[in-house]
C-alpha atoms as a PDB file:
ATOM      1  CA  MET A   1     260.103 285.275 142.778  1.00  0.00           C
ATOM      2  CA  MET A   2     263.364 283.497 143.432  1.00  0.00           C
ATOM      3  CA  LYS A   3     264.094 282.303 146.936  1.00  0.00           C
ATOM      4  CA  SER A   4     265.826 279.294 148.308  1.00  0.00           C
ATOM      5  CA  SER A   5     263.875 277.109 150.669  1.00  0.00           C
ATOM      6  CA  LYS A   6     264.716 277.056 154.373  1.00  0.00           C
ATOM      7  CA  GLU A   7     266.244 273.588 153.949  1.00  0.00           C
ATOM      8  CA  GLU A   8     268.695 274.856 151.313  1.00  0.00           C
ATOM      9  CA  LYS A   9     269.973 277.853 153.278  1.00  0.00           C
ATOM     10  CA  THR A  10     273.671 278.009 153.814  1.00  0.00           C
ATOM     11  CA  MET A  11     275.832 280.892 154.954  1.00  0.00           C
ATOM     12  CA  THR A  12     277.337 282.732 152.008  1.00  0.00           C
ATOM     13  CA  THR A  13     279.912 285.472 151.603  1.00  0.00           C
ATOM     14  CA  ARG A  14     279.440 288.080 148.900  1.00  0.00           C
ATOM     15  CA  THR A  15     282.503 288.758 146.789  1.00  0.00           C
ATOM     16  CA  GLU A  16     283.337 291.685 144.557  1.00  0.00           C
ATOM     17  CA  ASN A  17     282.554 289.401 141.617  1.00  0.00           C
ATOM     18  CA  ASP A  18     279.115 288.573 143.100  1.00  0.00           C
ATOM     19  CA  VAL A  19     278.312 292.278 143.361  1.00  0.00           C
ATOM     20  CA  ARG A  20     279.510 292.937 139.803  1.00  0.00           C
ATOM     21  CA  THR A  21     277.536 289.976 138.431  1.00  0.00           C
ATOM     22  CA  PHE A  22     274.393 291.048 140.320  1.00  0.00           C
ATOM     23  CA  ASN A  23     274.663 294.588 138.948  1.00  0.00           C
ATOM     24  CA  GLU A  24     275.195 293.249 135.417  1.00  0.00           C
ATOM     25  CA  ALA A  25     272.057 291.104 135.735  1.00  0.00           C
ATOM     26  CA  ILE A  26     270.050 294.092 136.988  1.00  0.00           C
ATOM     27  CA  ASP A  27     271.361 296.228 134.101  1.00  0.00           C
ATOM     28  CA  LYS A  28     270.153 293.596 131.601  1.00  0.00           C
ATOM     29  CA  CYS A  29     266.597 293.868 132.934  1.00  0.00           C
ATOM     30  CA  ARG A  30     264.277 296.292 131.159  1.00  0.00           C
ATOM     31  CA  ARG A  31     261.775 296.782 133.986  1.00  0.00           C
ATOM     32  CA  PRO A  32     262.194 297.294 137.734  1.00  0.00           C
ATOM     33  CA  VAL A  33     263.832 294.580 139.778  1.00  0.00           C
ATOM     34  CA  TRP A  34     262.930 294.539 143.457  1.00  0.00           C
ATOM     35  CA  LEU A  35     264.993 293.277 146.348  1.00  0.00           C
ATOM     36  CA  ALA A  36     262.964 292.571 149.483  1.00  0.00           C
ATOM     37  CA  SER A  37     264.648 292.551 152.876  1.00  0.00           C
ATOM     38  CA  SER A  38     263.719 290.169 155.649  1.00  0.00           C
ATOM     39  CA  ASP A  39     261.833 293.002 157.399  1.00  0.00           C
ATOM     40  CA  GLY A  40     259.539 293.416 154.374  1.00  0.00           C
ATOM     41  CA  THR A  41     261.152 296.538 152.879  1.00  0.00           C
ATOM     42  CA  TYR A  42     261.230 296.566 149.070  1.00  0.00           C
ATOM     43  CA  TYR A  43     264.047 298.263 147.151  1.00  0.00           C
ATOM     44  CA  ASN A  44     263.820 299.210 143.471  1.00  0.00           C
ATOM     45  CA  MET A  45     267.192 298.136 142.128  1.00  0.00           C
ATOM     46  CA  LYS A  46     266.794 300.449 139.127  1.00  0.00           C
ATOM     47  CA  SER A  47     266.675 303.525 141.418  1.00  0.00           C
ATOM     48  CA  ALA A  48     270.179 304.709 142.371  1.00  0.00           C
ATOM     49  CA  PRO A  49     269.470 305.646 146.024  1.00  0.00           C
ATOM     50  CA  GLU A  50     267.422 302.492 146.665  1.00  0.00           C
ATOM     51  CA  HIS A  51     269.983 300.369 144.812  1.00  0.00           C
ATOM     52  CA  ASP A  52     272.817 301.607 147.016  1.00  0.00           C
ATOM     53  CA  ALA A  53     270.887 300.978 150.246  1.00  0.00           C
ATOM     54  CA  ALA A  54     269.775 297.521 149.098  1.00  0.00           C
ATOM     55  CA  MET A  55     273.260 296.503 147.936  1.00  0.00           C
ATOM     56  CA  ALA A  56     274.678 297.338 151.361  1.00  0.00           C
ATOM     57  CA  LEU A  57     272.074 295.040 152.920  1.00  0.00           C
ATOM     58  CA  TRP A  58     272.511 292.316 150.288  1.00  0.00           C
ATOM     59  CA  ILE A  59     276.277 292.205 150.807  1.00  0.00           C
ATOM     60  CA  LYS A  60     275.687 291.656 154.533  1.00  0.00           C
ATOM     61  CA  ASP A  61     272.877 289.102 153.934  1.00  0.00           C
ATOM     62  CA  THR A  62     275.004 286.016 154.530  1.00  0.00           C
ATOM     63  CA  ASN A  63     271.959 283.800 155.177  1.00  0.00           C
ATOM     64  CA  ASP A  64     270.217 284.523 151.841  1.00  0.00           C
ATOM     65  CA  GLU A  65     267.143 285.982 153.516  1.00  0.00           C
ATOM     66  CA  MET A  66     266.508 288.630 150.849  1.00  0.00           C
ATOM     67  CA  GLU A  67     264.220 287.921 147.901  1.00  0.00           C
ATOM     68  CA  ILE A  68     264.498 289.076 144.281  1.00  0.00           C
ATOM     69  CA  PHE A  69     261.391 290.004 142.265  1.00  0.00           C
ATOM     70  CA  ALA A  70     261.248 290.928 138.572  1.00  0.00           C
ATOM     71  CA  CYS A  71     258.389 292.667 136.760  1.00  0.00           C
ATOM     72  CA  SER A  72     258.416 290.657 133.535  1.00  0.00           C
ATOM     73  CA  TYR A  73     259.025 287.091 132.439  1.00  0.00           C
ATOM     74  CA  GLU A  74     262.077 288.173 130.443  1.00  0.00           C
ATOM     75  CA  ASP A  75     263.612 289.950 133.438  1.00  0.00           C
ATOM     76  CA  GLU A  76     262.739 287.030 135.686  1.00  0.00           C
ATOM     77  CA  ALA A  77     264.703 284.760 133.328  1.00  0.00           C
ATOM     78  CA  VAL A  78     267.725 287.077 133.632  1.00  0.00           C
ATOM     79  CA  MET A  79     267.529 287.111 137.422  1.00  0.00           C
ATOM     80  CA  THR A  80     266.920 283.348 137.585  1.00  0.00           C
ATOM     81  CA  ARG A  81     270.142 282.773 135.614  1.00  0.00           C
ATOM     82  CA  PHE A  82     271.953 285.031 138.088  1.00  0.00           C
ATOM     83  CA  TRP A  83     270.389 283.226 141.076  1.00  0.00           C
ATOM     84  CA  ASN A  84     271.355 279.828 139.670  1.00  0.00           C
ATOM     85  CA  GLN A  85     274.936 280.987 139.091  1.00  0.00           C
ATOM     86  CA  MET A  86     275.170 282.244 142.673  1.00  0.00           C
ATOM     87  CA  HIS A  87     273.998 278.916 144.077  1.00  0.00           C
ATOM     88  CA  ALA A  88     275.708 276.548 141.626  1.00  0.00           C
ATOM     89  CA  ALA A  89     278.672 275.695 143.792  1.00  0.00           C
END
């Protein structure tokens, strides 16, 4: 699970590049990647309908309240690299 702590939260704006990079990271994963909304709904990012619904929420999630879960250590490493890139600045 990758989630920033409450102390680290800052308002972010998703760019077209962020969306592209997120989708590329998901595509590199071999097993399901889950995005959890702040209301507790889980979206399988490998399922087209769920992916589309979750991406719409993620783009609007300017407070980084959504969480990313991967189903294997290898996929978690991919998503951790993505997460670190997103929060490097």
